[in-house]
Amino acid sequence: MLAELPSRCSLVVSNNPIAEHEEYRPVVLGTLPHLEKLDKEAATKDEIAEAINLVETRVSQLLLASRN
């Protein structure tokens, strides 16, 4: 559902308990890299690239762990 958001959009989750997790911003940006703003703060291309790498790393770790 979230992946269907229009490109060039903004998302605010700052009042959601998930926003307290230290990696929530990179996880959201890595999952929804088309966001321009998250919690009213602009997302830079570098931040999005790092976030995508983080999400890909976490997914790889989960896949490897599930095979053991």
PDB file of N, CA and C in Angstrom:
ATOM      1  N   MET A   1       0.822  -1.182   0.000  1.00  0.00           N
ATOM      2  CA  MET A   1       0.000   0.000   0.000  1.00  0.00           C
ATOM      3  C   MET A   1       0.874   1.257   0.000  1.00  0.00           C
ATOM      4  N   LEU A   2       1.843   1.356   0.911  1.00  0.00           N
ATOM      5  CA  LEU A   2       2.710   2.533   0.945  1.00  0.00           C
ATOM      6  C   LEU A   2       3.532   2.664  -0.323  1.00  0.00           C
ATOM      7  N   ALA A   3       3.919   1.547  -0.908  1.00  0.00           N
ATOM      8  CA  ALA A   3       4.704   1.592  -2.139  1.00  0.00           C
ATOM      9  C   ALA A   3       3.909   2.201  -3.288  1.00  0.00           C
ATOM     10  N   GLU A   4       2.602   2.274  -3.142  1.00  0.00           N
ATOM     11  CA  GLU A   4       1.757   2.845  -4.179  1.00  0.00           C
ATOM     12  C   GLU A   4       1.585   4.351  -4.040  1.00  0.00           C
ATOM     13  N   LEU A   5       2.229   4.959  -3.049  1.00  0.00           N
ATOM     14  CA  LEU A   5       2.140   6.405  -2.893  1.00  0.00           C
ATOM     15  C   LEU A   5       2.683   7.078  -4.144  1.00  0.00           C
ATOM     16  N   PRO A   6       2.120   8.223  -4.498  1.00  0.00           N
ATOM     17  CA  PRO A   6       2.626   8.907  -5.683  1.00  0.00           C
ATOM     18  C   PRO A   6       4.069   9.349  -5.484  1.00  0.00           C
ATOM     19  N   SER A   7       4.770   9.471  -6.597  1.00  0.00           N
ATOM     20  CA  SER A   7       6.141   9.954  -6.483  1.00  0.00           C
ATOM     21  C   SER A   7       6.106  11.408  -6.027  1.00  0.00           C
ATOM     22  N   ARG A   8       7.229  11.851  -5.525  1.00  0.00           N
ATOM     23  CA  ARG A   8       7.358  13.225  -5.064  1.00  0.00           C
ATOM     24  C   ARG A   8       6.335  13.547  -3.985  1.00  0.00           C
ATOM     25  N   CYS A   9       6.360  12.794  -2.927  1.00  0.00           N
ATOM     26  CA  CYS A   9       5.425  13.053  -1.850  1.00  0.00           C
ATOM     27  C   CYS A   9       6.161  13.153  -0.523  1.00  0.00           C
ATOM     28  N   SER A  10       5.401  13.435   0.488  1.00  0.00           N
ATOM     29  CA  SER A  10       5.926  13.642   1.827  1.00  0.00           C
ATOM     30  C   SER A  10       5.148  12.741   2.782  1.00  0.00           C
ATOM     31  N   LEU A  11       5.826  12.278   3.821  1.00  0.00           N
ATOM     32  CA  LEU A  11       5.200  11.407   4.810  1.00  0.00           C
ATOM     33  C   LEU A  11       5.591  11.900   6.195  1.00  0.00           C
ATOM     34  N   VAL A  12       4.625  11.992   7.088  1.00  0.00           N
ATOM     35  CA  VAL A  12       4.890  12.412   8.465  1.00  0.00           C
ATOM     36  C   VAL A  12       4.492  11.276   9.396  1.00  0.00           C
ATOM     37  N   VAL A  13       5.468  10.773  10.144  1.00  0.00           N
ATOM     38  CA  VAL A  13       5.208   9.725  11.137  1.00  0.00           C
ATOM     39  C   VAL A  13       5.798  10.101  12.493  1.00  0.00           C
ATOM     40  N   SER A  14       6.150  11.355  12.662  1.00  0.00           N
ATOM     41  CA  SER A  14       6.860  11.786  13.866  1.00  0.00           C
ATOM     42  C   SER A  14       6.095  11.535  15.160  1.00  0.00           C
ATOM     43  N   ASN A  15       4.789  11.491  15.131  1.00  0.00           N
ATOM     44  CA  ASN A  15       4.017  11.226  16.347  1.00  0.00           C
ATOM     45  C   ASN A  15       3.693   9.749  16.529  1.00  0.00           C
ATOM     46  N   ASN A  16       4.208   8.917  15.658  1.00  0.00           N
ATOM     47  CA  ASN A  16       4.005   7.481  15.730  1.00  0.00           C
ATOM     48  C   ASN A  16       5.123   6.876  16.580  1.00  0.00           C
ATOM     49  N   PRO A  17       4.833   5.908  17.433  1.00  0.00           N
ATOM     50  CA  PRO A  17       5.886   5.301  18.263  1.00  0.00           C
ATOM     51  C   PRO A  17       7.062   4.739  17.466  1.00  0.00           C
ATOM     52  N   ILE A  18       6.848   4.353  16.213  1.00  0.00           N
ATOM     53  CA  ILE A  18       7.950   3.820  15.409  1.00  0.00           C
ATOM     54  C   ILE A  18       9.037   4.873  15.203  1.00  0.00           C
ATOM     55  N   ALA A  19       8.666   6.136  15.256  1.00  0.00           N
ATOM     56  CA  ALA A  19       9.632   7.220  15.051  1.00  0.00           C
ATOM     57  C   ALA A  19      10.686   7.261  16.152  1.00  0.00           C
ATOM     58  N   GLU A  20      10.448   6.561  17.244  1.00  0.00           N
ATOM     59  CA  GLU A  20      11.422   6.514  18.331  1.00  0.00           C
ATOM     60  C   GLU A  20      12.548   5.515  18.055  1.00  0.00           C
ATOM     61  N   HIS A  21      12.358   4.631  17.095  1.00  0.00           N
ATOM     62  CA  HIS A  21      13.387   3.650  16.749  1.00  0.00           C
ATOM     63  C   HIS A  21      14.525   4.371  16.039  1.00  0.00           C
ATOM     64  N   GLU A  22      15.761   4.076  16.414  1.00  0.00           N
ATOM     65  CA  GLU A  22      16.901   4.824  15.881  1.00  0.00           C
ATOM     66  C   GLU A  22      17.089   4.692  14.376  1.00  0.00           C
ATOM     67  N   GLU A  23      16.607   3.613  13.776  1.00  0.00           N
ATOM     68  CA  GLU A  23      16.802   3.428  12.337  1.00  0.00           C
ATOM     69  C   GLU A  23      15.525   3.631  11.528  1.00  0.00           C
ATOM     70  N   TYR A  24      14.509   4.228  12.142  1.00  0.00           N
ATOM     71  CA  TYR A  24      13.244   4.331  11.405  1.00  0.00           C
ATOM     72  C   TYR A  24      13.386   5.187  10.148  1.00  0.00           C
ATOM     73  N   ARG A  25      14.102   6.304  10.233  1.00  0.00           N
ATOM     74  CA  ARG A  25      14.219   7.181   9.056  1.00  0.00           C
ATOM     75  C   ARG A  25      14.901   6.468   7.888  1.00  0.00           C
ATOM     76  N   PRO A  26      16.082   5.860   8.090  1.00  0.00           N
ATOM     77  CA  PRO A  26      16.680   5.171   6.953  1.00  0.00           C
ATOM     78  C   PRO A  26      15.852   3.979   6.458  1.00  0.00           C
ATOM     79  N   VAL A  27      15.173   3.295   7.347  1.00  0.00           N
ATOM     80  CA  VAL A  27      14.352   2.160   6.902  1.00  0.00           C
ATOM     81  C   VAL A  27      13.180   2.655   6.044  1.00  0.00           C
ATOM     82  N   VAL A  28      12.532   3.721   6.473  1.00  0.00           N
ATOM     83  CA  VAL A  28      11.421   4.263   5.680  1.00  0.00           C
ATOM     84  C   VAL A  28      11.926   4.777   4.333  1.00  0.00           C
ATOM     85  N   LEU A  29      13.028   5.535   4.352  1.00  0.00           N
ATOM     86  CA  LEU A  29      13.555   6.079   3.096  1.00  0.00           C
ATOM     87  C   LEU A  29      14.099   4.984   2.184  1.00  0.00           C
ATOM     88  N   GLY A  30      14.657   3.945   2.764  1.00  0.00           N
ATOM     89  CA  GLY A  30      15.156   2.841   1.953  1.00  0.00           C
ATOM     90  C   GLY A  30      14.047   2.016   1.341  1.00  0.00           C
ATOM     91  N   THR A  31      12.905   1.998   2.003  1.00  0.00           N
ATOM     92  CA  THR A  31      11.749   1.260   1.513  1.00  0.00           C
ATOM     93  C   THR A  31      10.912   2.102   0.546  1.00  0.00           C
ATOM     94  N   LEU A  32      10.889   3.397   0.791  1.00  0.00           N
ATOM     95  CA  LEU A  32      10.119   4.336  -0.043  1.00  0.00           C
ATOM     96  C   LEU A  32      11.055   5.430  -0.563  1.00  0.00           C
ATOM     97  N   PRO A  33      11.987   5.080  -1.436  1.00  0.00           N
ATOM     98  CA  PRO A  33      13.011   6.039  -1.850  1.00  0.00           C
ATOM     99  C   PRO A  33      12.499   7.214  -2.684  1.00  0.00           C
ATOM    100  N   HIS A  34      11.243   7.175  -3.097  1.00  0.00           N
ATOM    101  CA  HIS A  34      10.688   8.283  -3.873  1.00  0.00           C
ATOM    102  C   HIS A  34      10.221   9.440  -2.992  1.00  0.00           C
ATOM    103  N   LEU A  35      10.242   9.257  -1.667  1.00  0.00           N
ATOM    104  CA  LEU A  35       9.817  10.343  -0.785  1.00  0.00           C
ATOM    105  C   LEU A  35      10.752  11.536  -0.918  1.00  0.00           C
ATOM    106  N   GLU A  36      10.176  12.710  -0.982  1.00  0.00           N
ATOM    107  CA  GLU A  36      10.976  13.926  -0.987  1.00  0.00           C
ATOM    108  C   GLU A  36      11.227  14.413   0.428  1.00  0.00           C
ATOM    109  N   LYS A  37      10.215  14.202   1.295  1.00  0.00           N
ATOM    110  CA  LYS A  37      10.329  14.639   2.686  1.00  0.00           C
ATOM    111  C   LYS A  37       9.806  13.551   3.606  1.00  0.00           C
ATOM    112  N   LEU A  38      10.465  13.422   4.738  1.00  0.00           N
ATOM    113  CA  LEU A  38      10.003  12.532   5.799  1.00  0.00           C
ATOM    114  C   LEU A  38       9.990  13.351   7.069  1.00  0.00           C
ATOM    115  N   ASP A  39       8.849  13.422   7.705  1.00  0.00           N
ATOM    116  CA  ASP A  39       8.666  14.251   8.901  1.00  0.00           C
ATOM    117  C   ASP A  39       9.084  15.698   8.648  1.00  0.00           C
ATOM    118  N   LYS A  40       8.676  16.205   7.507  1.00  0.00           N
ATOM    119  CA  LYS A  40       8.895  17.599   7.097  1.00  0.00           C
ATOM    120  C   LYS A  40      10.360  17.953   6.872  1.00  0.00           C
ATOM    121  N   GLU A  41      11.225  16.944   6.823  1.00  0.00           N
ATOM    122  CA  GLU A  41      12.652  17.163   6.573  1.00  0.00           C
ATOM    123  C   GLU A  41      13.002  16.570   5.211  1.00  0.00           C
ATOM    124  N   ALA A  42      13.648  17.374   4.383  1.00  0.00           N
ATOM    125  CA  ALA A  42      14.012  16.918   3.041  1.00  0.00           C
ATOM    126  C   ALA A  42      14.924  15.702   3.109  1.00  0.00           C
ATOM    127  N   ALA A  43      14.709  14.800   2.189  1.00  0.00           N
ATOM    128  CA  ALA A  43      15.554  13.610   2.063  1.00  0.00           C
ATOM    129  C   ALA A  43      16.531  13.855   0.919  1.00  0.00           C
ATOM    130  N   THR A  44      17.820  13.795   1.208  1.00  0.00           N
ATOM    131  CA  THR A  44      18.825  14.031   0.171  1.00  0.00           C
ATOM    132  C   THR A  44      19.074  12.750  -0.619  1.00  0.00           C
ATOM    133  N   LYS A  45      19.639  12.910  -1.806  1.00  0.00           N
ATOM    134  CA  LYS A  45      19.968  11.745  -2.630  1.00  0.00           C
ATOM    135  C   LYS A  45      20.965  10.846  -1.913  1.00  0.00           C
ATOM    136  N   ASP A  46      21.942  11.451  -1.231  1.00  0.00           N
ATOM    137  CA  ASP A  46      22.929  10.656  -0.488  1.00  0.00           C
ATOM    138  C   ASP A  46      22.272   9.891   0.656  1.00  0.00           C
ATOM    139  N   GLU A  47      21.369  10.553   1.371  1.00  0.00           N
ATOM    140  CA  GLU A  47      20.671   9.896   2.484  1.00  0.00           C
ATOM    141  C   GLU A  47      19.841   8.720   1.967  1.00  0.00           C
ATOM    142  N   ILE A  48      19.178   8.918   0.848  1.00  0.00           N
ATOM    143  CA  ILE A  48      18.361   7.846   0.274  1.00  0.00           C
ATOM    144  C   ILE A  48      19.235   6.690  -0.186  1.00  0.00           C
ATOM    145  N   ALA A  49      20.372   6.990  -0.812  1.00  0.00           N
ATOM    146  CA  ALA A  49      21.284   5.929  -1.263  1.00  0.00           C
ATOM    147  C   ALA A  49      21.789   5.116  -0.079  1.00  0.00           C
ATOM    148  N   GLU A  50      22.172   5.787   1.003  1.00  0.00           N
ATOM    149  CA  GLU A  50      22.620   5.082   2.212  1.00  0.00           C
ATOM    150  C   GLU A  50      21.488   4.265   2.811  1.00  0.00           C
ATOM    151  N   ALA A  51      20.284   4.816   2.790  1.00  0.00           N
ATOM    152  CA  ALA A  51      19.125   4.114   3.341  1.00  0.00           C
ATOM    153  C   ALA A  51      18.811   2.852   2.541  1.00  0.00           C
ATOM    154  N   ILE A  52      18.906   2.939   1.230  1.00  0.00           N
ATOM    155  CA  ILE A  52      18.674   1.762   0.383  1.00  0.00           C
ATOM    156  C   ILE A  52      19.701   0.685   0.698  1.00  0.00           C
ATOM    157  N   ASN A  53      20.956   1.081   0.848  1.00  0.00           N
ATOM    158  CA  ASN A  53      22.006   0.114   1.202  1.00  0.00           C
ATOM    159  C   ASN A  53      21.720  -0.545   2.544  1.00  0.00           C
ATOM    160  N   LEU A  54      21.269   0.234   3.521  1.00  0.00           N
ATOM    161  CA  LEU A  54      20.951  -0.314   4.838  1.00  0.00           C
ATOM    162  C   LEU A  54      19.828  -1.340   4.733  1.00  0.00           C
ATOM    163  N   VAL A  55      18.766  -0.996   4.026  1.00  0.00           N
ATOM    164  CA  VAL A  55      17.627  -1.909   3.890  1.00  0.00           C
ATOM    165  C   VAL A  55      18.049  -3.182   3.164  1.00  0.00           C
ATOM    166  N   GLU A  56      18.827  -3.043   2.101  1.00  0.00           N
ATOM    167  CA  GLU A  56      19.293  -4.230   1.375  1.00  0.00           C
ATOM    168  C   GLU A  56      20.156  -5.117   2.265  1.00  0.00           C
ATOM    169  N   THR A  57      20.999  -4.510   3.088  1.00  0.00           N
ATOM    170  CA  THR A  57      21.837  -5.269   4.016  1.00  0.00           C
ATOM    171  C   THR A  57      20.984  -6.003   5.035  1.00  0.00           C
ATOM    172  N   ARG A  58      20.000  -5.312   5.606  1.00  0.00           N
ATOM    173  CA  ARG A  58      19.123  -5.936   6.610  1.00  0.00           C
ATOM    174  C   ARG A  58      18.329  -7.094   5.996  1.00  0.00           C
ATOM    175  N   VAL A  59      17.833  -6.910   4.804  1.00  0.00           N
ATOM    176  CA  VAL A  59      17.073  -7.976   4.140  1.00  0.00           C
ATOM    177  C   VAL A  59      17.979  -9.175   3.881  1.00  0.00           C
ATOM    178  N   SER A  60      19.197  -8.929   3.414  1.00  0.00           N
ATOM    179  CA  SER A  60      20.150 -10.025   3.176  1.00  0.00           C
ATOM    180  C   SER A  60      20.447 -10.775   4.464  1.00  0.00           C
ATOM    181  N   GLN A  61      20.633 -10.036   5.557  1.00  0.00           N
ATOM    182  CA  GLN A  61      20.898 -10.669   6.851  1.00  0.00           C
ATOM    183  C   GLN A  61      19.725 -11.541   7.279  1.00  0.00           C
ATOM    184  N   LEU A  62      18.517 -11.043   7.092  1.00  0.00           N
ATOM    185  CA  LEU A  62      17.334 -11.828   7.462  1.00  0.00           C
ATOM    186  C   LEU A  62      17.209 -13.084   6.610  1.00  0.00           C
ATOM    187  N   LEU A  63      17.486 -12.962   5.327  1.00  0.00           N
ATOM    188  CA  LEU A  63      17.408 -14.132   4.451  1.00  0.00           C
ATOM    189  C   LEU A  63      18.447 -15.179   4.835  1.00  0.00           C
ATOM    190  N   LEU A  64      19.657 -14.732   5.132  1.00  0.00           N
ATOM    191  CA  LEU A  64      20.701 -15.674   5.551  1.00  0.00           C
ATOM    192  C   LEU A  64      20.340 -16.342   6.875  1.00  0.00           C
ATOM    193  N   ALA A  65      19.815 -15.561   7.810  1.00  0.00           N
ATOM    194  CA  ALA A  65      19.444 -16.110   9.113  1.00  0.00           C
ATOM    195  C   ALA A  65      18.305 -17.120   8.986  1.00  0.00           C
ATOM    196  N   SER A  66      17.399 -16.885   8.054  1.00  0.00           N
ATOM    197  CA  SER A  66      16.261 -17.797   7.903  1.00  0.00           C
ATOM    198  C   SER A  66      16.670 -19.134   7.295  1.00  0.00           C
ATOM    199  N   ARG A  67      17.811 -19.164   6.641  1.00  0.00           N
ATOM    200  CA  ARG A  67      18.294 -20.413   6.042  1.00  0.00           C
ATOM    201  C   ARG A  67      18.988 -21.300   7.055  1.00  0.00           C
ATOM    202  N   ASN A  68      19.354 -20.745   8.170  1.00  0.00           N
ATOM    203  CA  ASN A  68      20.061 -21.533   9.206  1.00  0.00           C
ATOM    204  C   ASN A  68      19.124 -22.176  10.182  1.00  0.00           C
TER     205      ASN A  68
END
